[in-house]
Amino acid sequence: MNKIFIKILILFFLITNQSIAEENIMILKLKDGDVKIELFEDIAPNHVKRIKELANSGTYDNVVFHRVIDGFMAQTGDVKFGNSESKDFDLRRAGMGGSDFPDLKQEFNSLPHDRGTLSMARSQDPDSANSQFFICFQPAPFLDRQYTVFGKVIEGMEFVDKIKRGDQNNNGSVTDPDKIISFKSQ
């Protein structure tokens, strides 16, 4: 009887762990292909909750990569001014907006800003992250413990590498930028 109970318990944990893992996998559709992202709910729970809420409601769909610096990162997520299908779209103001939700308190952690890391953009105020985020092209250790890392690309980084770069002399501002086609839970 105890062996059967233990086997059932093990099976339960395997199924539960698999479903928890799957609910933290997101698909970011870009013009060149799909990017699979793992979110770190245990490390940055409030940021992950916000990303999931905005993504699964379609809020990130058609949002441009307004700031892309070769060898550094691609920034997106301005759902107010950066949605190319919205009446409020203004490429000159993209990067200045956020969602209607309140800003988030920082959840800085010890995860490094490696290639493929997703991290929240913010102003000078550590508690000002809202909807904007960036994906690192290369390691950026100078950002460690100063920005909230909330996820990592686990497949499709080659498609992130194809995002149109911005003007190096203009802080990475992009004219005719690429955009998120969709961003949803798997």
N, C-alpha and C. Protein backbone atom coordinates (compact mmCIF):
# COMPACT_ATOMS: atom_id res chain seq x y z
N MET A 1 0.82 -1.20 0.00
CA MET A 1 0.00 0.00 0.00
C MET A 1 0.86 1.26 0.00
N ASN A 2 1.91 1.29 0.81
CA ASN A 2 2.79 2.45 0.87
C ASN A 2 3.49 2.69 -0.46
N LYS A 3 3.87 1.62 -1.17
CA LYS A 3 4.55 1.77 -2.46
C LYS A 3 3.61 2.40 -3.49
N ILE A 4 2.36 2.00 -3.48
CA ILE A 4 1.38 2.58 -4.41
C ILE A 4 1.18 4.06 -4.09
N PHE A 5 1.05 4.39 -2.81
CA PHE A 5 0.88 5.78 -2.40
C PHE A 5 2.08 6.62 -2.83
N ILE A 6 3.28 6.11 -2.66
CA ILE A 6 4.50 6.83 -3.03
C ILE A 6 4.55 7.04 -4.55
N LYS A 7 4.17 6.02 -5.31
CA LYS A 7 4.16 6.16 -6.77
C LYS A 7 3.14 7.20 -7.22
N ILE A 8 1.98 7.21 -6.60
CA ILE A 8 0.96 8.21 -6.93
C ILE A 8 1.45 9.61 -6.56
N LEU A 9 2.08 9.72 -5.42
CA LEU A 9 2.62 11.00 -5.00
C LEU A 9 3.70 11.50 -5.96
N ILE A 10 4.58 10.63 -6.37
CA ILE A 10 5.63 11.00 -7.33
C ILE A 10 5.01 11.44 -8.64
N LEU A 11 4.05 10.70 -9.14
CA LEU A 11 3.37 11.04 -10.38
C LEU A 11 2.69 12.41 -10.26
N PHE A 12 2.05 12.66 -9.14
CA PHE A 12 1.40 13.96 -8.90
C PHE A 12 2.41 15.10 -8.99
N PHE A 13 3.56 14.94 -8.32
CA PHE A 13 4.58 15.99 -8.35
C PHE A 13 5.15 16.19 -9.75
N LEU A 14 5.34 15.14 -10.50
CA LEU A 14 5.84 15.27 -11.87
C LEU A 14 4.85 16.03 -12.74
N ILE A 15 3.59 15.70 -12.63
CA ILE A 15 2.56 16.39 -13.42
C ILE A 15 2.46 17.84 -12.99
N THR A 16 2.45 18.10 -11.70
CA THR A 16 2.35 19.47 -11.18
C THR A 16 3.55 20.30 -11.62
N ASN A 17 4.75 19.77 -11.48
CA ASN A 17 5.95 20.52 -11.87
C ASN A 17 5.94 20.82 -13.36
N GLN A 18 5.48 19.87 -14.19
CA GLN A 18 5.42 20.09 -15.63
C GLN A 18 4.45 21.21 -15.96
N SER A 19 3.28 21.24 -15.31
CA SER A 19 2.30 22.28 -15.61
C SER A 19 2.78 23.65 -15.11
N ILE A 20 3.48 23.68 -13.99
CA ILE A 20 4.05 24.95 -13.51
C ILE A 20 5.10 25.44 -14.50
N ALA A 21 5.95 24.54 -14.98
CA ALA A 21 6.97 24.92 -15.95
C ALA A 21 6.33 25.45 -17.23
N GLU A 22 5.30 24.77 -17.72
CA GLU A 22 4.65 25.19 -18.96
C GLU A 22 3.95 26.53 -18.83
N GLU A 23 3.41 26.85 -17.67
CA GLU A 23 2.72 28.13 -17.53
C GLU A 23 3.70 29.30 -17.50
N ASN A 24 4.97 29.02 -17.36
CA ASN A 24 5.99 30.07 -17.39
C ASN A 24 6.78 30.09 -18.69
N ILE A 25 6.23 29.48 -19.73
CA ILE A 25 6.83 29.53 -21.06
C ILE A 25 5.97 30.43 -21.93
N MET A 26 6.60 31.38 -22.57
CA MET A 26 5.91 32.33 -23.45
C MET A 26 6.49 32.20 -24.86
N ILE A 27 5.67 32.54 -25.85
CA ILE A 27 6.11 32.57 -27.24
C ILE A 27 6.01 34.01 -27.74
N LEU A 28 7.16 34.54 -28.15
CA LEU A 28 7.27 35.88 -28.72
C LEU A 28 7.41 35.70 -30.22
N LYS A 29 6.37 36.08 -30.98
CA LYS A 29 6.41 35.95 -32.44
C LYS A 29 7.03 37.21 -33.03
N LEU A 30 8.11 37.01 -33.78
CA LEU A 30 8.79 38.09 -34.49
C LEU A 30 8.69 37.83 -35.98
N LYS A 31 9.06 38.80 -36.79
CA LYS A 31 8.93 38.66 -38.25
C LYS A 31 9.72 37.48 -38.79
N ASP A 32 10.83 37.13 -38.17
CA ASP A 32 11.68 36.05 -38.67
C ASP A 32 11.43 34.71 -38.02
N GLY A 33 10.63 34.65 -36.95
CA GLY A 33 10.36 33.37 -36.31
C GLY A 33 9.94 33.52 -34.86
N ASP A 34 9.63 32.39 -34.25
CA ASP A 34 9.15 32.35 -32.86
C ASP A 34 10.30 32.22 -31.88
N VAL A 35 10.18 32.96 -30.78
CA VAL A 35 11.16 32.95 -29.71
C VAL A 35 10.48 32.37 -28.47
N LYS A 36 11.07 31.33 -27.91
CA LYS A 36 10.52 30.69 -26.71
C LYS A 36 11.24 31.28 -25.51
N ILE A 37 10.45 31.74 -24.54
CA ILE A 37 10.98 32.44 -23.37
C ILE A 37 10.50 31.75 -22.11
N GLU A 38 11.43 31.55 -21.18
CA GLU A 38 11.07 31.04 -19.86
C GLU A 38 11.03 32.21 -18.90
N LEU A 39 9.93 32.34 -18.17
CA LEU A 39 9.79 33.39 -17.16
C LEU A 39 10.17 32.83 -15.79
N PHE A 40 10.79 33.67 -14.98
CA PHE A 40 11.27 33.26 -13.65
C PHE A 40 10.33 33.76 -12.56
N GLU A 41 9.20 33.09 -12.45
CA GLU A 41 8.18 33.48 -11.49
C GLU A 41 8.67 33.43 -10.05
N ASP A 42 9.55 32.50 -9.75
CA ASP A 42 10.05 32.36 -8.38
C ASP A 42 11.05 33.46 -8.03
N ILE A 43 11.65 34.10 -9.02
CA ILE A 43 12.67 35.13 -8.81
C ILE A 43 12.07 36.54 -8.83
N ALA A 44 11.13 36.76 -9.75
CA ALA A 44 10.52 38.08 -9.92
C ALA A 44 9.00 37.93 -10.12
N PRO A 45 8.30 37.49 -9.07
CA PRO A 45 6.87 37.15 -9.22
C PRO A 45 5.99 38.29 -9.70
N ASN A 46 6.21 39.49 -9.23
CA ASN A 46 5.34 40.61 -9.62
C ASN A 46 5.59 41.04 -11.07
N HIS A 47 6.85 41.01 -11.48
CA HIS A 47 7.18 41.36 -12.85
C HIS A 47 6.63 40.31 -13.82
N VAL A 48 6.78 39.04 -13.46
CA VAL A 48 6.26 37.96 -14.31
C VAL A 48 4.74 38.06 -14.41
N LYS A 49 4.09 38.32 -13.30
CA LYS A 49 2.63 38.47 -13.31
C LYS A 49 2.22 39.59 -14.27
N ARG A 50 2.92 40.71 -14.23
CA ARG A 50 2.62 41.86 -15.11
C ARG A 50 2.86 41.48 -16.58
N ILE A 51 3.98 40.86 -16.87
CA ILE A 51 4.30 40.48 -18.25
C ILE A 51 3.23 39.53 -18.79
N LYS A 52 2.87 38.53 -17.99
CA LYS A 52 1.84 37.57 -18.43
C LYS A 52 0.51 38.26 -18.67
N GLU A 53 0.14 39.15 -17.76
CA GLU A 53 -1.14 39.85 -17.88
C GLU A 53 -1.20 40.68 -19.16
N LEU A 54 -0.14 41.44 -19.42
CA LEU A 54 -0.11 42.28 -20.62
C LEU A 54 -0.01 41.42 -21.88
N ALA A 55 0.83 40.40 -21.84
CA ALA A 55 1.02 39.56 -23.02
C ALA A 55 -0.25 38.79 -23.37
N ASN A 56 -0.81 38.12 -22.39
CA ASN A 56 -1.97 37.27 -22.67
C ASN A 56 -3.24 38.05 -23.01
N SER A 57 -3.26 39.34 -22.72
CA SER A 57 -4.40 40.16 -23.12
C SER A 57 -4.18 40.77 -24.52
N GLY A 58 -3.02 40.49 -25.13
CA GLY A 58 -2.72 41.01 -26.46
C GLY A 58 -2.15 42.41 -26.46
N THR A 59 -1.86 42.95 -25.29
CA THR A 59 -1.40 44.34 -25.18
C THR A 59 -0.04 44.56 -25.85
N TYR A 60 0.82 43.55 -25.89
CA TYR A 60 2.13 43.70 -26.52
C TYR A 60 2.10 43.51 -28.04
N ASP A 61 1.01 42.99 -28.57
CA ASP A 61 0.93 42.75 -30.02
C ASP A 61 1.06 44.08 -30.77
N ASN A 62 1.91 44.10 -31.78
CA ASN A 62 2.18 45.27 -32.63
C ASN A 62 3.02 46.36 -31.96
N VAL A 63 3.60 46.08 -30.81
CA VAL A 63 4.47 47.06 -30.14
C VAL A 63 5.87 46.97 -30.74
N VAL A 64 6.43 48.12 -31.07
CA VAL A 64 7.71 48.19 -31.78
C VAL A 64 8.91 48.03 -30.83
N PHE A 65 10.02 47.62 -31.41
CA PHE A 65 11.32 47.63 -30.74
C PHE A 65 11.89 49.02 -31.02
N HIS A 66 11.63 49.95 -30.13
CA HIS A 66 11.95 51.36 -30.36
C HIS A 66 13.41 51.71 -30.13
N ARG A 67 14.12 50.91 -29.37
CA ARG A 67 15.53 51.19 -29.03
C ARG A 67 16.30 49.89 -29.14
N VAL A 68 17.19 49.81 -30.13
CA VAL A 68 17.94 48.59 -30.37
C VAL A 68 19.39 48.97 -30.62
N ILE A 69 20.26 48.54 -29.71
CA ILE A 69 21.68 48.89 -29.78
C ILE A 69 22.48 47.63 -30.07
N ASP A 70 23.16 47.63 -31.21
CA ASP A 70 23.97 46.49 -31.64
C ASP A 70 24.99 46.14 -30.55
N GLY A 71 25.09 44.86 -30.24
CA GLY A 71 26.04 44.41 -29.22
C GLY A 71 25.56 44.63 -27.80
N PHE A 72 24.35 45.14 -27.63
CA PHE A 72 23.84 45.41 -26.29
C PHE A 72 22.45 44.79 -26.09
N MET A 73 21.40 45.46 -26.61
CA MET A 73 20.05 44.96 -26.33
C MET A 73 19.02 45.52 -27.29
N ALA A 74 17.81 44.88 -27.27
CA ALA A 74 16.64 45.35 -28.01
C ALA A 74 15.55 45.66 -26.99
N GLN A 75 15.06 46.89 -27.00
CA GLN A 75 14.04 47.32 -26.03
C GLN A 75 12.70 47.51 -26.71
N THR A 76 11.64 47.06 -26.03
CA THR A 76 10.27 47.14 -26.51
C THR A 76 9.34 47.29 -25.31
N GLY A 77 8.05 47.21 -25.56
CA GLY A 77 7.09 47.15 -24.46
C GLY A 77 6.39 48.44 -24.11
N ASP A 78 6.64 49.52 -24.86
CA ASP A 78 5.90 50.76 -24.59
C ASP A 78 4.51 50.59 -25.20
N VAL A 79 3.58 50.12 -24.39
CA VAL A 79 2.24 49.80 -24.89
C VAL A 79 1.38 51.05 -25.11
N LYS A 80 1.83 52.20 -24.61
CA LYS A 80 1.08 53.45 -24.83
C LYS A 80 1.46 54.10 -26.16
N PHE A 81 2.73 54.39 -26.36
CA PHE A 81 3.16 55.11 -27.56
C PHE A 81 3.80 54.21 -28.61
N GLY A 82 4.10 52.96 -28.26
CA GLY A 82 4.83 52.08 -29.16
C GLY A 82 4.00 51.07 -29.92
N ASN A 83 2.68 51.07 -29.73
CA ASN A 83 1.82 50.13 -30.46
C ASN A 83 1.52 50.71 -31.83
N SER A 84 2.10 50.12 -32.86
CA SER A 84 2.00 50.66 -34.22
C SER A 84 0.57 50.63 -34.77
N GLU A 85 -0.35 49.94 -34.11
CA GLU A 85 -1.74 49.88 -34.56
C GLU A 85 -2.67 50.76 -33.71
N SER A 86 -2.11 51.49 -32.77
CA SER A 86 -2.91 52.30 -31.84
C SER A 86 -3.02 53.75 -32.32
N LYS A 87 -4.10 54.40 -31.94
CA LYS A 87 -4.28 55.84 -32.25
C LYS A 87 -3.23 56.69 -31.53
N ASP A 88 -2.65 56.17 -30.42
CA ASP A 88 -1.64 56.90 -29.66
C ASP A 88 -0.21 56.65 -30.14
N PHE A 89 -0.05 55.83 -31.20
CA PHE A 89 1.30 55.51 -31.68
C PHE A 89 2.04 56.78 -32.06
N ASP A 90 3.24 56.91 -31.50
CA ASP A 90 4.11 58.05 -31.80
C ASP A 90 5.54 57.57 -31.61
N LEU A 91 6.20 57.26 -32.70
CA LEU A 91 7.55 56.71 -32.64
C LEU A 91 8.52 57.64 -31.92
N ARG A 92 8.30 58.95 -32.01
CA ARG A 92 9.18 59.90 -31.31
C ARG A 92 9.02 59.81 -29.80
N ARG A 93 7.84 59.38 -29.35
CA ARG A 93 7.58 59.27 -27.90
C ARG A 93 7.72 57.83 -27.39
N ALA A 94 7.88 56.87 -28.31
CA ALA A 94 8.02 55.47 -27.90
C ALA A 94 9.21 55.36 -26.95
N GLY A 95 8.98 54.70 -25.83
CA GLY A 95 9.98 54.61 -24.78
C GLY A 95 9.65 55.50 -23.59
N MET A 96 8.65 56.35 -23.75
CA MET A 96 8.25 57.25 -22.67
C MET A 96 6.96 56.80 -21.98
N GLY A 97 6.32 55.77 -22.53
CA GLY A 97 5.04 55.34 -21.99
C GLY A 97 5.08 53.99 -21.32
N GLY A 98 3.94 53.62 -20.81
CA GLY A 98 3.79 52.33 -20.15
C GLY A 98 2.33 51.92 -20.20
N SER A 99 1.95 51.03 -19.33
CA SER A 99 0.56 50.56 -19.27
C SER A 99 -0.24 51.44 -18.31
N ASP A 100 -1.50 51.10 -18.17
CA ASP A 100 -2.36 51.80 -17.21
C ASP A 100 -2.18 51.28 -15.79
N PHE A 101 -1.39 50.23 -15.63
CA PHE A 101 -1.13 49.67 -14.30
C PHE A 101 -0.09 50.51 -13.57
N PRO A 102 -0.09 50.45 -12.24
CA PRO A 102 0.94 51.19 -11.48
C PRO A 102 2.32 50.60 -11.72
N ASP A 103 3.33 51.43 -11.52
CA ASP A 103 4.71 50.97 -11.63
C ASP A 103 4.97 49.88 -10.60
N LEU A 104 5.97 49.06 -10.90
CA LEU A 104 6.33 47.93 -10.04
C LEU A 104 7.49 48.26 -9.11
N LYS A 105 7.45 47.71 -7.93
CA LYS A 105 8.61 47.78 -7.03
C LYS A 105 9.69 46.87 -7.60
N GLN A 106 10.92 47.27 -7.50
CA GLN A 106 12.02 46.47 -8.05
C GLN A 106 12.08 45.09 -7.39
N GLU A 107 12.50 44.12 -8.16
CA GLU A 107 12.76 42.77 -7.67
C GLU A 107 14.15 42.36 -8.16
N PHE A 108 15.13 43.21 -7.84
CA PHE A 108 16.50 42.93 -8.26
C PHE A 108 16.91 41.57 -7.72
N ASN A 109 17.72 40.87 -8.48
CA ASN A 109 18.12 39.52 -8.09
C ASN A 109 19.54 39.26 -8.56
N SER A 110 20.04 38.09 -8.29
CA SER A 110 21.44 37.78 -8.60
C SER A 110 21.62 37.16 -9.99
N LEU A 111 20.54 37.04 -10.78
CA LEU A 111 20.70 36.49 -12.12
C LEU A 111 21.45 37.49 -13.00
N PRO A 112 22.42 37.02 -13.75
CA PRO A 112 23.22 37.93 -14.58
C PRO A 112 22.49 38.33 -15.86
N HIS A 113 22.85 39.47 -16.38
CA HIS A 113 22.35 39.93 -17.67
C HIS A 113 23.21 39.29 -18.76
N ASP A 114 22.92 38.02 -19.05
CA ASP A 114 23.64 37.27 -20.09
C ASP A 114 22.92 37.43 -21.42
N ARG A 115 23.51 36.88 -22.46
CA ARG A 115 22.87 36.85 -23.77
C ARG A 115 21.51 36.14 -23.63
N GLY A 116 20.46 36.77 -24.14
CA GLY A 116 19.13 36.19 -24.09
C GLY A 116 18.32 36.53 -22.85
N THR A 117 18.91 37.26 -21.91
CA THR A 117 18.20 37.66 -20.69
C THR A 117 17.12 38.68 -21.02
N LEU A 118 15.95 38.54 -20.39
CA LEU A 118 14.91 39.56 -20.44
C LEU A 118 14.91 40.29 -19.11
N SER A 119 14.89 41.60 -19.18
CA SER A 119 14.95 42.43 -17.99
C SER A 119 14.04 43.63 -18.20
N MET A 120 13.55 44.18 -17.09
CA MET A 120 12.63 45.31 -17.18
C MET A 120 13.39 46.63 -17.35
N ALA A 121 12.88 47.44 -18.26
CA ALA A 121 13.40 48.80 -18.41
C ALA A 121 12.76 49.66 -17.32
N ARG A 122 13.44 50.72 -16.96
CA ARG A 122 12.94 51.62 -15.92
C ARG A 122 13.60 52.98 -16.08
N SER A 123 13.13 53.97 -15.33
CA SER A 123 13.77 55.28 -15.29
C SER A 123 14.85 55.25 -14.20
N GLN A 124 15.28 56.41 -13.77
CA GLN A 124 16.26 56.50 -12.68
C GLN A 124 15.74 55.88 -11.38
N ASP A 125 14.43 55.93 -11.22
CA ASP A 125 13.79 55.39 -10.02
C ASP A 125 13.76 53.86 -10.11
N PRO A 126 14.38 53.15 -9.17
CA PRO A 126 14.40 51.68 -9.22
C PRO A 126 13.01 51.05 -9.21
N ASP A 127 12.00 51.78 -8.70
CA ASP A 127 10.64 51.26 -8.61
C ASP A 127 9.74 51.82 -9.72
N SER A 128 10.28 51.98 -10.92
CA SER A 128 9.52 52.60 -12.01
C SER A 128 9.26 51.67 -13.20
N ALA A 129 9.62 50.40 -13.09
CA ALA A 129 9.33 49.47 -14.19
C ALA A 129 7.83 49.35 -14.34
N ASN A 130 7.37 49.23 -15.60
CA ASN A 130 5.93 49.15 -15.84
C ASN A 130 5.60 48.10 -16.89
N SER A 131 5.91 48.37 -18.15
CA SER A 131 5.61 47.42 -19.23
C SER A 131 6.79 47.20 -20.16
N GLN A 132 7.74 48.13 -20.17
CA GLN A 132 8.86 48.03 -21.10
C GLN A 132 9.91 47.04 -20.60
N PHE A 133 10.48 46.32 -21.57
CA PHE A 133 11.53 45.35 -21.24
C PHE A 133 12.54 45.30 -22.37
N PHE A 134 13.65 44.65 -22.10
CA PHE A 134 14.68 44.50 -23.12
C PHE A 134 15.24 43.09 -23.09
N ILE A 135 15.80 42.70 -24.24
CA ILE A 135 16.45 41.41 -24.40
C ILE A 135 17.91 41.68 -24.72
N CYS A 136 18.81 41.09 -23.97
CA CYS A 136 20.25 41.32 -24.17
C CYS A 136 20.79 40.50 -25.35
N PHE A 137 21.53 41.18 -26.23
CA PHE A 137 22.23 40.49 -27.31
C PHE A 137 23.53 39.85 -26.80
N GLN A 138 24.13 40.50 -25.84
CA GLN A 138 25.42 40.08 -25.26
C GLN A 138 25.35 40.26 -23.75
N PRO A 139 26.27 39.64 -23.01
CA PRO A 139 26.30 39.88 -21.56
C PRO A 139 26.46 41.38 -21.25
N ALA A 140 25.75 41.84 -20.23
CA ALA A 140 25.81 43.23 -19.80
C ALA A 140 25.91 43.26 -18.28
N PRO A 141 27.06 42.83 -17.73
CA PRO A 141 27.19 42.72 -16.27
C PRO A 141 27.03 44.03 -15.52
N PHE A 142 27.21 45.16 -16.20
CA PHE A 142 27.05 46.45 -15.53
C PHE A 142 25.58 46.71 -15.14
N LEU A 143 24.65 45.90 -15.67
CA LEU A 143 23.23 46.03 -15.31
C LEU A 143 22.82 45.13 -14.15
N ASP A 144 23.69 44.17 -13.81
CA ASP A 144 23.35 43.19 -12.78
C ASP A 144 22.99 43.87 -11.46
N ARG A 145 21.92 43.37 -10.85
CA ARG A 145 21.40 43.84 -9.56
C ARG A 145 20.92 45.30 -9.59
N GLN A 146 20.77 45.86 -10.81
CA GLN A 146 20.24 47.21 -10.94
C GLN A 146 18.95 47.25 -11.75
N TYR A 147 18.66 46.14 -12.43
CA TYR A 147 17.45 45.98 -13.22
C TYR A 147 16.89 44.60 -12.91
N THR A 148 15.57 44.45 -12.99
CA THR A 148 14.94 43.18 -12.64
C THR A 148 14.97 42.21 -13.81
N VAL A 149 15.76 41.16 -13.66
CA VAL A 149 15.77 40.06 -14.62
C VAL A 149 14.53 39.21 -14.33
N PHE A 150 13.74 38.94 -15.37
CA PHE A 150 12.51 38.16 -15.16
C PHE A 150 12.37 36.98 -16.12
N GLY A 151 13.30 36.82 -17.06
CA GLY A 151 13.17 35.71 -17.99
C GLY A 151 14.40 35.53 -18.85
N LYS A 152 14.33 34.50 -19.72
CA LYS A 152 15.47 34.18 -20.59
C LYS A 152 14.95 33.49 -21.85
N VAL A 153 15.56 33.84 -22.98
CA VAL A 153 15.27 33.17 -24.24
C VAL A 153 15.85 31.76 -24.14
N ILE A 154 15.01 30.75 -24.41
CA ILE A 154 15.49 29.37 -24.37
C ILE A 154 15.51 28.74 -25.77
N GLU A 155 14.85 29.36 -26.73
CA GLU A 155 14.90 28.94 -28.14
C GLU A 155 14.61 30.15 -29.01
N GLY A 156 15.30 30.24 -30.15
CA GLY A 156 14.99 31.27 -31.12
C GLY A 156 15.78 32.56 -30.98
N MET A 157 16.89 32.53 -30.25
CA MET A 157 17.70 33.75 -30.11
C MET A 157 18.18 34.26 -31.47
N GLU A 158 18.30 33.36 -32.43
CA GLU A 158 18.73 33.78 -33.78
C GLU A 158 17.71 34.74 -34.40
N PHE A 159 16.44 34.67 -33.99
CA PHE A 159 15.42 35.58 -34.50
C PHE A 159 15.50 36.93 -33.78
N VAL A 160 15.86 36.91 -32.51
CA VAL A 160 16.10 38.17 -31.78
C VAL A 160 17.28 38.89 -32.42
N ASP A 161 18.31 38.14 -32.80
CA ASP A 161 19.50 38.75 -33.43
C ASP A 161 19.17 39.48 -34.73
N LYS A 162 18.05 39.16 -35.35
CA LYS A 162 17.67 39.78 -36.63
C LYS A 162 16.82 41.04 -36.47
N ILE A 163 16.52 41.42 -35.23
CA ILE A 163 15.74 42.65 -35.01
C ILE A 163 16.52 43.84 -35.55
N LYS A 164 15.83 44.72 -36.27
CA LYS A 164 16.46 45.88 -36.89
C LYS A 164 17.13 46.77 -35.84
N ARG A 165 18.40 47.09 -36.08
CA ARG A 165 19.17 47.93 -35.17
C ARG A 165 18.85 49.41 -35.35
N GLY A 166 19.09 50.15 -34.27
CA GLY A 166 18.87 51.58 -34.30
C GLY A 166 20.15 52.34 -34.57
N ASP A 167 20.02 53.65 -34.52
CA ASP A 167 21.12 54.57 -34.78
C ASP A 167 22.01 54.66 -33.53
N GLN A 168 23.24 54.19 -33.65
CA GLN A 168 24.19 54.22 -32.52
C GLN A 168 24.38 55.64 -32.00
N ASN A 169 24.31 56.64 -32.90
CA ASN A 169 24.52 58.04 -32.50
C ASN A 169 23.27 58.67 -31.89
N ASN A 170 22.16 57.93 -31.89
CA ASN A 170 20.92 58.46 -31.34
C ASN A 170 20.34 57.49 -30.30
N ASN A 171 21.22 56.96 -29.44
CA ASN A 171 20.84 56.07 -28.33
C ASN A 171 20.03 54.86 -28.78
N GLY A 172 20.29 54.40 -30.01
CA GLY A 172 19.64 53.19 -30.51
C GLY A 172 18.24 53.39 -31.07
N SER A 173 17.81 54.64 -31.24
CA SER A 173 16.48 54.90 -31.80
C SER A 173 16.37 54.28 -33.19
N VAL A 174 15.23 53.65 -33.44
CA VAL A 174 15.04 52.91 -34.69
C VAL A 174 13.99 53.60 -35.55
N THR A 175 14.34 53.84 -36.82
CA THR A 175 13.34 54.32 -37.77
C THR A 175 12.79 53.09 -38.47
N ASP A 176 11.49 53.07 -38.72
CA ASP A 176 10.81 51.91 -39.31
C ASP A 176 11.16 50.63 -38.55
N PRO A 177 10.84 50.59 -37.24
CA PRO A 177 11.28 49.48 -36.39
C PRO A 177 10.50 48.18 -36.61
N ASP A 178 11.15 47.08 -36.25
CA ASP A 178 10.46 45.79 -36.18
C ASP A 178 9.52 45.84 -34.99
N LYS A 179 8.56 44.90 -34.97
CA LYS A 179 7.59 44.91 -33.89
C LYS A 179 7.29 43.49 -33.43
N ILE A 180 6.68 43.42 -32.27
CA ILE A 180 6.18 42.15 -31.75
C ILE A 180 4.93 41.80 -32.55
N ILE A 181 4.91 40.64 -33.15
CA ILE A 181 3.69 40.21 -33.85
C ILE A 181 2.68 39.73 -32.80
N SER A 182 3.14 38.89 -31.90
CA SER A 182 2.31 38.50 -30.75
C SER A 182 3.21 37.98 -29.65
N PHE A 183 2.69 38.00 -28.43
CA PHE A 183 3.41 37.54 -27.26
C PHE A 183 2.37 36.89 -26.37
N LYS A 184 2.46 35.57 -26.20
CA LYS A 184 1.44 34.81 -25.48
C LYS A 184 2.05 33.64 -24.72
N SER A 185 1.31 33.15 -23.74
CA SER A 185 1.70 31.91 -23.06
C SER A 185 1.63 30.78 -24.07
N GLN A 186 2.48 29.80 -23.85
CA GLN A 186 2.55 28.65 -24.75
C GLN A 186 1.26 27.86 -24.73
